[in-house]
Amino acid sequence: MLSEHGVKIAPSGYYAFKKRPASARAVSDAELVVQIERVFWDGKFGRGISGARKVWRLLRREGITVARCTVECLMRQQGLRGIRRGR
């Protein structure tokens, strides 16, 4: 795959990458995405109209400590965007 594009990579490096377990950041982000989607789509919290700031506040209220910029980034990656009204 990479050799087609002129990138030289040793086969041992490629297979080491494939066998490497997921990083702690990737694991925590995957768990956090589940919580973000739960809050975003929950009927009593706003049914998909919440923005990153509101989702971040709801997560904090539930005791989940996370940076707001992380919530913004993960929501963007998942394609979750709140509906903007009247600005």
PDB file of N, CA and C in Angstrom:
ATOM      1  N   MET A   1       0.834  -1.179   0.000  1.00  0.00           N
ATOM      2  CA  MET A   1       0.000   0.000   0.000  1.00  0.00           C
ATOM      3  C   MET A   1       0.882   1.247   0.000  1.00  0.00           C
ATOM      4  N   LEU A   2       1.762   1.378   0.955  1.00  0.00           N
ATOM      5  CA  LEU A   2       2.620   2.549   1.020  1.00  0.00           C
ATOM      6  C   LEU A   2       3.703   2.524  -0.043  1.00  0.00           C
ATOM      7  N   SER A   3       4.138   1.341  -0.435  1.00  0.00           N
ATOM      8  CA  SER A   3       5.182   1.273  -1.443  1.00  0.00           C
ATOM      9  C   SER A   3       4.669   1.775  -2.793  1.00  0.00           C
ATOM     10  N   GLU A   4       3.361   1.729  -3.021  1.00  0.00           N
ATOM     11  CA  GLU A   4       2.784   2.266  -4.251  1.00  0.00           C
ATOM     12  C   GLU A   4       2.956   3.776  -4.322  1.00  0.00           C
ATOM     13  N   HIS A   5       3.020   4.428  -3.175  1.00  0.00           N
ATOM     14  CA  HIS A   5       3.141   5.872  -3.115  1.00  0.00           C
ATOM     15  C   HIS A   5       4.585   6.325  -2.915  1.00  0.00           C
ATOM     16  N   GLY A   6       5.526   5.414  -2.988  1.00  0.00           N
ATOM     17  CA  GLY A   6       6.927   5.767  -2.881  1.00  0.00           C
ATOM     18  C   GLY A   6       7.442   5.877  -1.457  1.00  0.00           C
ATOM     19  N   VAL A   7       6.665   5.455  -0.483  1.00  0.00           N
ATOM     20  CA  VAL A   7       7.090   5.512   0.910  1.00  0.00           C
ATOM     21  C   VAL A   7       7.798   4.210   1.244  1.00  0.00           C
ATOM     22  N   LYS A   8       9.025   4.336   1.729  1.00  0.00           N
ATOM     23  CA  LYS A   8       9.778   3.136   2.076  1.00  0.00           C
ATOM     24  C   LYS A   8       9.562   2.848   3.552  1.00  0.00           C
ATOM     25  N   ILE A   9       9.049   1.681   3.831  1.00  0.00           N
ATOM     26  CA  ILE A   9       8.803   1.274   5.213  1.00  0.00           C
ATOM     27  C   ILE A   9       9.176  -0.199   5.335  1.00  0.00           C
ATOM     28  N   ALA A  10       9.845  -0.521   6.417  1.00  0.00           N
ATOM     29  CA  ALA A  10      10.275  -1.895   6.635  1.00  0.00           C
ATOM     30  C   ALA A  10       9.063  -2.752   7.015  1.00  0.00           C
ATOM     31  N   PRO A  11       8.987  -3.967   6.502  1.00  0.00           N
ATOM     32  CA  PRO A  11       7.870  -4.840   6.858  1.00  0.00           C
ATOM     33  C   PRO A  11       7.771  -5.081   8.367  1.00  0.00           C
ATOM     34  N   SER A  12       8.926  -5.145   9.045  1.00  0.00           N
ATOM     35  CA  SER A  12       8.889  -5.379  10.494  1.00  0.00           C
ATOM     36  C   SER A  12       8.211  -4.208  11.213  1.00  0.00           C
ATOM     37  N   GLY A  13       8.443  -2.992  10.740  1.00  0.00           N
ATOM     38  CA  GLY A  13       7.799  -1.825  11.339  1.00  0.00           C
ATOM     39  C   GLY A  13       6.302  -1.822  11.100  1.00  0.00           C
ATOM     40  N   TYR A  14       5.890  -2.231   9.911  1.00  0.00           N
ATOM     41  CA  TYR A  14       4.466  -2.300   9.588  1.00  0.00           C
ATOM     42  C   TYR A  14       3.752  -3.308  10.474  1.00  0.00           C
ATOM     43  N   TYR A  15       4.311  -4.500  10.596  1.00  0.00           N
ATOM     44  CA  TYR A  15       3.660  -5.532  11.400  1.00  0.00           C
ATOM     45  C   TYR A  15       3.714  -5.212  12.893  1.00  0.00           C
ATOM     46  N   ALA A  16       4.754  -4.516  13.333  1.00  0.00           N
ATOM     47  CA  ALA A  16       4.800  -4.076  14.732  1.00  0.00           C
ATOM     48  C   ALA A  16       3.676  -3.084  15.005  1.00  0.00           C
ATOM     49  N   PHE A  17       3.418  -2.189  14.047  1.00  0.00           N
ATOM     50  CA  PHE A  17       2.321  -1.234  14.178  1.00  0.00           C
ATOM     51  C   PHE A  17       0.972  -1.946  14.233  1.00  0.00           C
ATOM     52  N   LYS A  18       0.784  -2.941  13.389  1.00  0.00           N
ATOM     53  CA  LYS A  18      -0.484  -3.663  13.343  1.00  0.00           C
ATOM     54  C   LYS A  18      -0.754  -4.450  14.629  1.00  0.00           C
ATOM     55  N   LYS A  19       0.309  -4.938  15.280  1.00  0.00           N
ATOM     56  CA  LYS A  19       0.147  -5.749  16.486  1.00  0.00           C
ATOM     57  C   LYS A  19       0.049  -4.913  17.754  1.00  0.00           C
ATOM     58  N   ARG A  20       0.417  -3.649  17.670  1.00  0.00           N
ATOM     59  CA  ARG A  20       0.430  -2.776  18.840  1.00  0.00           C
ATOM     60  C   ARG A  20      -0.989  -2.558  19.364  1.00  0.00           C
ATOM     61  N   PRO A  21      -1.181  -2.639  20.684  1.00  0.00           N
ATOM     62  CA  PRO A  21      -2.520  -2.398  21.233  1.00  0.00           C
ATOM     63  C   PRO A  21      -2.885  -0.916  21.133  1.00  0.00           C
ATOM     64  N   ALA A  22      -4.156  -0.642  21.263  1.00  0.00           N
ATOM     65  CA  ALA A  22      -4.639   0.738  21.199  1.00  0.00           C
ATOM     66  C   ALA A  22      -4.060   1.533  22.368  1.00  0.00           C
ATOM     67  N   SER A  23      -3.790   2.811  22.119  1.00  0.00           N
ATOM     68  CA  SER A  23      -3.226   3.660  23.162  1.00  0.00           C
ATOM     69  C   SER A  23      -4.274   3.964  24.227  1.00  0.00           C
ATOM     70  N   ALA A  24      -3.814   4.411  25.372  1.00  0.00           N
ATOM     71  CA  ALA A  24      -4.730   4.764  26.458  1.00  0.00           C
ATOM     72  C   ALA A  24      -5.651   5.902  26.028  1.00  0.00           C
ATOM     73  N   ARG A  25      -5.132   6.841  25.238  1.00  0.00           N
ATOM     74  CA  ARG A  25      -5.943   7.959  24.751  1.00  0.00           C
ATOM     75  C   ARG A  25      -7.053   7.463  23.829  1.00  0.00           C
ATOM     76  N   ALA A  26      -6.725   6.534  22.937  1.00  0.00           N
ATOM     77  CA  ALA A  26      -7.725   6.005  22.016  1.00  0.00           C
ATOM     78  C   ALA A  26      -8.818   5.258  22.772  1.00  0.00           C
ATOM     79  N   VAL A  27      -8.433   4.509  23.790  1.00  0.00           N
ATOM     80  CA  VAL A  27      -9.406   3.760  24.590  1.00  0.00           C
ATOM     81  C   VAL A  27     -10.317   4.714  25.361  1.00  0.00           C
ATOM     82  N   SER A  28      -9.723   5.745  25.993  1.00  0.00           N
ATOM     83  CA  SER A  28     -10.548   6.681  26.762  1.00  0.00           C
ATOM     84  C   SER A  28     -11.440   7.510  25.847  1.00  0.00           C
ATOM     85  N   ASP A  29     -10.951   7.872  24.656  1.00  0.00           N
ATOM     86  CA  ASP A  29     -11.786   8.611  23.709  1.00  0.00           C
ATOM     87  C   ASP A  29     -12.964   7.767  23.233  1.00  0.00           C
ATOM     88  N   ALA A  30     -12.733   6.481  23.008  1.00  0.00           N
ATOM     89  CA  ALA A  30     -13.825   5.601  22.573  1.00  0.00           C
ATOM     90  C   ALA A  30     -14.899   5.497  23.654  1.00  0.00           C
ATOM     91  N   GLU A  31     -14.482   5.403  24.914  1.00  0.00           N
ATOM     92  CA  GLU A  31     -15.454   5.351  26.011  1.00  0.00           C
ATOM     93  C   GLU A  31     -16.191   6.680  26.143  1.00  0.00           C
ATOM     94  N   LEU A  32     -15.477   7.767  25.927  1.00  0.00           N
ATOM     95  CA  LEU A  32     -16.075   9.092  26.041  1.00  0.00           C
ATOM     96  C   LEU A  32     -17.074   9.360  24.917  1.00  0.00           C
ATOM     97  N   VAL A  33     -16.792   8.850  23.730  1.00  0.00           N
ATOM     98  CA  VAL A  33     -17.726   9.018  22.611  1.00  0.00           C
ATOM     99  C   VAL A  33     -19.066   8.375  22.939  1.00  0.00           C
ATOM    100  N   VAL A  34     -19.046   7.233  23.594  1.00  0.00           N
ATOM    101  CA  VAL A  34     -20.289   6.573  23.988  1.00  0.00           C
ATOM    102  C   VAL A  34     -21.089   7.475  24.921  1.00  0.00           C
ATOM    103  N   GLN A  35     -20.424   8.093  25.888  1.00  0.00           N
ATOM    104  CA  GLN A  35     -21.102   8.980  26.834  1.00  0.00           C
ATOM    105  C   GLN A  35     -21.618  10.241  26.140  1.00  0.00           C
ATOM    106  N   ILE A  36     -20.826  10.791  25.233  1.00  0.00           N
ATOM    107  CA  ILE A  36     -21.240  11.996  24.514  1.00  0.00           C
ATOM    108  C   ILE A  36     -22.478  11.716  23.678  1.00  0.00           C
ATOM    109  N   GLU A  37     -22.474  10.606  22.949  1.00  0.00           N
ATOM    110  CA  GLU A  37     -23.632  10.266  22.125  1.00  0.00           C
ATOM    111  C   GLU A  37     -24.864   9.999  22.978  1.00  0.00           C
ATOM    112  N   ARG A  38     -24.682   9.381  24.126  1.00  0.00           N
ATOM    113  CA  ARG A  38     -25.805   9.121  25.029  1.00  0.00           C
ATOM    114  C   ARG A  38     -26.443  10.429  25.469  1.00  0.00           C
ATOM    115  N   VAL A  39     -25.612  11.388  25.897  1.00  0.00           N
ATOM    116  CA  VAL A  39     -26.133  12.676  26.357  1.00  0.00           C
ATOM    117  C   VAL A  39     -26.726  13.455  25.184  1.00  0.00           C
ATOM    118  N   PHE A  40     -26.068  13.409  24.028  1.00  0.00           N
ATOM    119  CA  PHE A  40     -26.515  14.173  22.865  1.00  0.00           C
ATOM    120  C   PHE A  40     -27.894  13.730  22.391  1.00  0.00           C
ATOM    121  N   TRP A  41     -28.139  12.419  22.351  1.00  0.00           N
ATOM    122  CA  TRP A  41     -29.395  11.908  21.816  1.00  0.00           C
ATOM    123  C   TRP A  41     -30.459  11.657  22.870  1.00  0.00           C
ATOM    124  N   ASP A  42     -30.147  11.795  24.142  1.00  0.00           N
ATOM    125  CA  ASP A  42     -31.114  11.528  25.201  1.00  0.00           C
ATOM    126  C   ASP A  42     -32.289  12.502  25.122  1.00  0.00           C
ATOM    127  N   GLY A  43     -33.505  11.976  25.202  1.00  0.00           N
ATOM    128  CA  GLY A  43     -34.710  12.786  25.067  1.00  0.00           C
ATOM    129  C   GLY A  43     -34.877  13.854  26.117  1.00  0.00           C
ATOM    130  N   LYS A  44     -34.475  13.591  27.334  1.00  0.00           N
ATOM    131  CA  LYS A  44     -34.676  14.582  28.382  1.00  0.00           C
ATOM    132  C   LYS A  44     -33.598  15.667  28.396  1.00  0.00           C
ATOM    133  N   PHE A  45     -32.503  15.471  27.643  1.00  0.00           N
ATOM    134  CA  PHE A  45     -31.426  16.455  27.619  1.00  0.00           C
ATOM    135  C   PHE A  45     -31.458  17.357  26.394  1.00  0.00           C
ATOM    136  N   GLY A  46     -32.209  17.015  25.366  1.00  0.00           N
ATOM    137  CA  GLY A  46     -32.253  17.917  24.227  1.00  0.00           C
ATOM    138  C   GLY A  46     -32.446  17.264  22.872  1.00  0.00           C
ATOM    139  N   ARG A  47     -32.435  15.969  22.792  1.00  0.00           N
ATOM    140  CA  ARG A  47     -32.716  15.225  21.563  1.00  0.00           C
ATOM    141  C   ARG A  47     -31.926  15.674  20.343  1.00  0.00           C
ATOM    142  N   GLY A  48     -30.636  15.783  20.477  1.00  0.00           N
ATOM    143  CA  GLY A  48     -29.791  16.066  19.322  1.00  0.00           C
ATOM    144  C   GLY A  48     -29.649  17.532  18.980  1.00  0.00           C
ATOM    145  N   ILE A  49     -30.109  18.428  19.835  1.00  0.00           N
ATOM    146  CA  ILE A  49     -29.974  19.851  19.533  1.00  0.00           C
ATOM    147  C   ILE A  49     -28.939  20.522  20.420  1.00  0.00           C
ATOM    148  N   SER A  50     -28.267  19.759  21.237  1.00  0.00           N
ATOM    149  CA  SER A  50     -27.269  20.318  22.159  1.00  0.00           C
ATOM    150  C   SER A  50     -25.945  20.539  21.452  1.00  0.00           C
ATOM    151  N   GLY A  51     -25.302  21.647  21.761  1.00  0.00           N
ATOM    152  CA  GLY A  51     -23.971  21.911  21.255  1.00  0.00           C
ATOM    153  C   GLY A  51     -22.928  21.331  22.193  1.00  0.00           C
ATOM    154  N   ALA A  52     -21.670  21.537  21.853  1.00  0.00           N
ATOM    155  CA  ALA A  52     -20.574  20.967  22.633  1.00  0.00           C
ATOM    156  C   ALA A  52     -20.550  21.515  24.057  1.00  0.00           C
ATOM    157  N   ARG A  53     -20.854  22.800  24.213  1.00  0.00           N
ATOM    158  CA  ARG A  53     -20.807  23.389  25.551  1.00  0.00           C
ATOM    159  C   ARG A  53     -21.868  22.777  26.463  1.00  0.00           C
ATOM    160  N   LYS A  54     -23.060  22.592  25.941  1.00  0.00           N
ATOM    161  CA  LYS A  54     -24.121  22.003  26.760  1.00  0.00           C
ATOM    162  C   LYS A  54     -23.819  20.534  27.071  1.00  0.00           C
ATOM    163  N   VAL A  55     -23.321  19.800  26.091  1.00  0.00           N
ATOM    164  CA  VAL A  55     -22.957  18.391  26.319  1.00  0.00           C
ATOM    165  C   VAL A  55     -21.863  18.316  27.371  1.00  0.00           C
ATOM    166  N   TRP A  56     -20.874  19.207  27.279  1.00  0.00           N
ATOM    167  CA  TRP A  56     -19.782  19.233  28.250  1.00  0.00           C
ATOM    168  C   TRP A  56     -20.324  19.498  29.659  1.00  0.00           C
ATOM    169  N   ARG A  57     -21.240  20.455  29.785  1.00  0.00           N
ATOM    170  CA  ARG A  57     -21.826  20.749  31.097  1.00  0.00           C
ATOM    171  C   ARG A  57     -22.622  19.569  31.638  1.00  0.00           C
ATOM    172  N   LEU A  58     -23.381  18.892  30.784  1.00  0.00           N
ATOM    173  CA  LEU A  58     -24.153  17.737  31.224  1.00  0.00           C
ATOM    174  C   LEU A  58     -23.238  16.598  31.666  1.00  0.00           C
ATOM    175  N   LEU A  59     -22.124  16.414  30.970  1.00  0.00           N
ATOM    176  CA  LEU A  59     -21.165  15.385  31.378  1.00  0.00           C
ATOM    177  C   LEU A  59     -20.557  15.731  32.735  1.00  0.00           C
ATOM    178  N   ARG A  60     -20.208  17.004  32.932  1.00  0.00           N
ATOM    179  CA  ARG A  60     -19.661  17.428  34.229  1.00  0.00           C
ATOM    180  C   ARG A  60     -20.672  17.205  35.336  1.00  0.00           C
ATOM    181  N   ARG A  61     -21.943  17.485  35.053  1.00  0.00           N
ATOM    182  CA  ARG A  61     -22.997  17.295  36.048  1.00  0.00           C
ATOM    183  C   ARG A  61     -23.104  15.828  36.470  1.00  0.00           C
ATOM    184  N   GLU A  62     -22.801  14.923  35.533  1.00  0.00           N
ATOM    185  CA  GLU A  62     -22.846  13.490  35.828  1.00  0.00           C
ATOM    186  C   GLU A  62     -21.539  12.974  36.421  1.00  0.00           C
ATOM    187  N   GLY A  63     -20.559  13.851  36.621  1.00  0.00           N
ATOM    188  CA  GLY A  63     -19.308  13.447  37.250  1.00  0.00           C
ATOM    189  C   GLY A  63     -18.238  12.974  36.282  1.00  0.00           C
ATOM    190  N   ILE A  64     -18.430  13.195  34.998  1.00  0.00           N
ATOM    191  CA  ILE A  64     -17.439  12.807  33.997  1.00  0.00           C
ATOM    192  C   ILE A  64     -16.566  14.027  33.719  1.00  0.00           C
ATOM    193  N   THR A  65     -15.306  13.963  34.136  1.00  0.00           N
ATOM    194  CA  THR A  65     -14.387  15.082  33.982  1.00  0.00           C
ATOM    195  C   THR A  65     -13.687  14.986  32.635  1.00  0.00           C
ATOM    196  N   VAL A  66     -13.884  16.020  31.828  1.00  0.00           N
ATOM    197  CA  VAL A  66     -13.278  16.054  30.496  1.00  0.00           C
ATOM    198  C   VAL A  66     -13.162  17.514  30.074  1.00  0.00           C
ATOM    199  N   ALA A  67     -12.186  17.806  29.246  1.00  0.00           N
ATOM    200  CA  ALA A  67     -12.006  19.171  28.746  1.00  0.00           C
ATOM    201  C   ALA A  67     -13.051  19.471  27.670  1.00  0.00           C
ATOM    202  N   ARG A  68     -13.503  20.722  27.633  1.00  0.00           N
ATOM    203  CA  ARG A  68     -14.514  21.104  26.656  1.00  0.00           C
ATOM    204  C   ARG A  68     -13.988  20.951  25.230  1.00  0.00           C
ATOM    205  N   CYS A  69     -12.712  21.263  25.015  1.00  0.00           N
ATOM    206  CA  CYS A  69     -12.159  21.141  23.668  1.00  0.00           C
ATOM    207  C   CYS A  69     -12.127  19.677  23.212  1.00  0.00           C
ATOM    208  N   THR A  70     -11.977  18.751  24.150  1.00  0.00           N
ATOM    209  CA  THR A  70     -12.019  17.331  23.810  1.00  0.00           C
ATOM    210  C   THR A  70     -13.420  16.936  23.375  1.00  0.00           C
ATOM    211  N   VAL A  71     -14.432  17.439  24.086  1.00  0.00           N
ATOM    212  CA  VAL A  71     -15.822  17.161  23.711  1.00  0.00           C
ATOM    213  C   VAL A  71     -16.094  17.730  22.321  1.00  0.00           C
ATOM    214  N   GLU A  72     -15.625  18.949  22.059  1.00  0.00           N
ATOM    215  CA  GLU A  72     -15.819  19.568  20.748  1.00  0.00           C
ATOM    216  C   GLU A  72     -15.188  18.729  19.646  1.00  0.00           C
ATOM    217  N   CYS A  73     -13.961  18.292  19.870  1.00  0.00           N
ATOM    218  CA  CYS A  73     -13.232  17.514  18.874  1.00  0.00           C
ATOM    219  C   CYS A  73     -13.920  16.172  18.600  1.00  0.00           C
ATOM    220  N   LEU A  74     -14.322  15.478  19.653  1.00  0.00           N
ATOM    221  CA  LEU A  74     -14.961  14.176  19.481  1.00  0.00           C
ATOM    222  C   LEU A  74     -16.338  14.316  18.835  1.00  0.00           C
ATOM    223  N   MET A  75     -17.068  15.374  19.177  1.00  0.00           N
ATOM    224  CA  MET A  75     -18.366  15.592  18.537  1.00  0.00           C
ATOM    225  C   MET A  75     -18.177  15.879  17.047  1.00  0.00           C
ATOM    226  N   ARG A  76     -17.154  16.641  16.711  1.00  0.00           N
ATOM    227  CA  ARG A  76     -16.861  16.939  15.314  1.00  0.00           C
ATOM    228  C   ARG A  76     -16.509  15.660  14.558  1.00  0.00           C
ATOM    229  N   GLN A  77     -15.693  14.797  15.180  1.00  0.00           N
ATOM    230  CA  GLN A  77     -15.305  13.541  14.540  1.00  0.00           C
ATOM    231  C   GLN A  77     -16.500  12.632  14.307  1.00  0.00           C
ATOM    232  N   GLN A  78     -17.465  12.657  15.216  1.00  0.00           N
ATOM    233  CA  GLN A  78     -18.643  11.806  15.105  1.00  0.00           C
ATOM    234  C   GLN A  78     -19.737  12.438  14.248  1.00  0.00           C
ATOM    235  N   GLY A  79     -19.552  13.687  13.858  1.00  0.00           N
ATOM    236  CA  GLY A  79     -20.558  14.361  13.048  1.00  0.00           C
ATOM    237  C   GLY A  79     -21.750  14.829  13.854  1.00  0.00           C
ATOM    238  N   LEU A  80     -21.570  15.038  15.149  1.00  0.00           N
ATOM    239  CA  LEU A  80     -22.651  15.497  16.015  1.00  0.00           C
ATOM    240  C   LEU A  80     -22.593  17.014  16.096  1.00  0.00           C
ATOM    241  N   ARG A  81     -23.604  17.645  15.576  1.00  0.00           N
ATOM    242  CA  ARG A  81     -23.654  19.103  15.624  1.00  0.00           C
ATOM    243  C   ARG A  81     -25.020  19.513  16.115  1.00  0.00           C
ATOM    244  N   GLY A  82     -25.018  20.397  17.076  1.00  0.00           N
ATOM    245  CA  GLY A  82     -26.276  20.906  17.590  1.00  0.00           C
ATOM    246  C   GLY A  82     -26.909  21.866  16.586  1.00  0.00           C
ATOM    247  N   ILE A  83     -28.201  22.003  16.670  1.00  0.00           N
ATOM    248  CA  ILE A  83     -28.923  22.928  15.807  1.00  0.00           C
ATOM    249  C   ILE A  83     -28.801  24.324  16.405  1.00  0.00           C
ATOM    250  N   ARG A  84     -28.352  25.269  15.612  1.00  0.00           N
ATOM    251  CA  ARG A  84     -28.222  26.649  16.088  1.00  0.00           C
ATOM    252  C   ARG A  84     -29.522  27.375  15.816  1.00  0.00           C
ATOM    253  N   ARG A  85     -30.011  28.028  16.833  1.00  0.00           N
ATOM    254  CA  ARG A  85     -31.260  28.780  16.690  1.00  0.00           C
ATOM    255  C   ARG A  85     -31.042  30.238  17.008  1.00  0.00           C
ATOM    256  N   GLY A  86     -31.621  31.102  16.215  1.00  0.00           N
ATOM    257  CA  GLY A  86     -31.772  32.505  16.478  1.00  0.00           C
ATOM    258  C   GLY A  86     -30.557  33.297  16.887  1.00  0.00           C
ATOM    259  N   ARG A  87     -29.449  33.171  16.242  1.00  0.00           N
ATOM    260  CA  ARG A  87     -28.302  34.022  16.567  1.00  0.00           C
ATOM    261  C   ARG A  87     -28.106  35.072  15.573  1.00  0.00           C
TER     262      ARG A  87
END
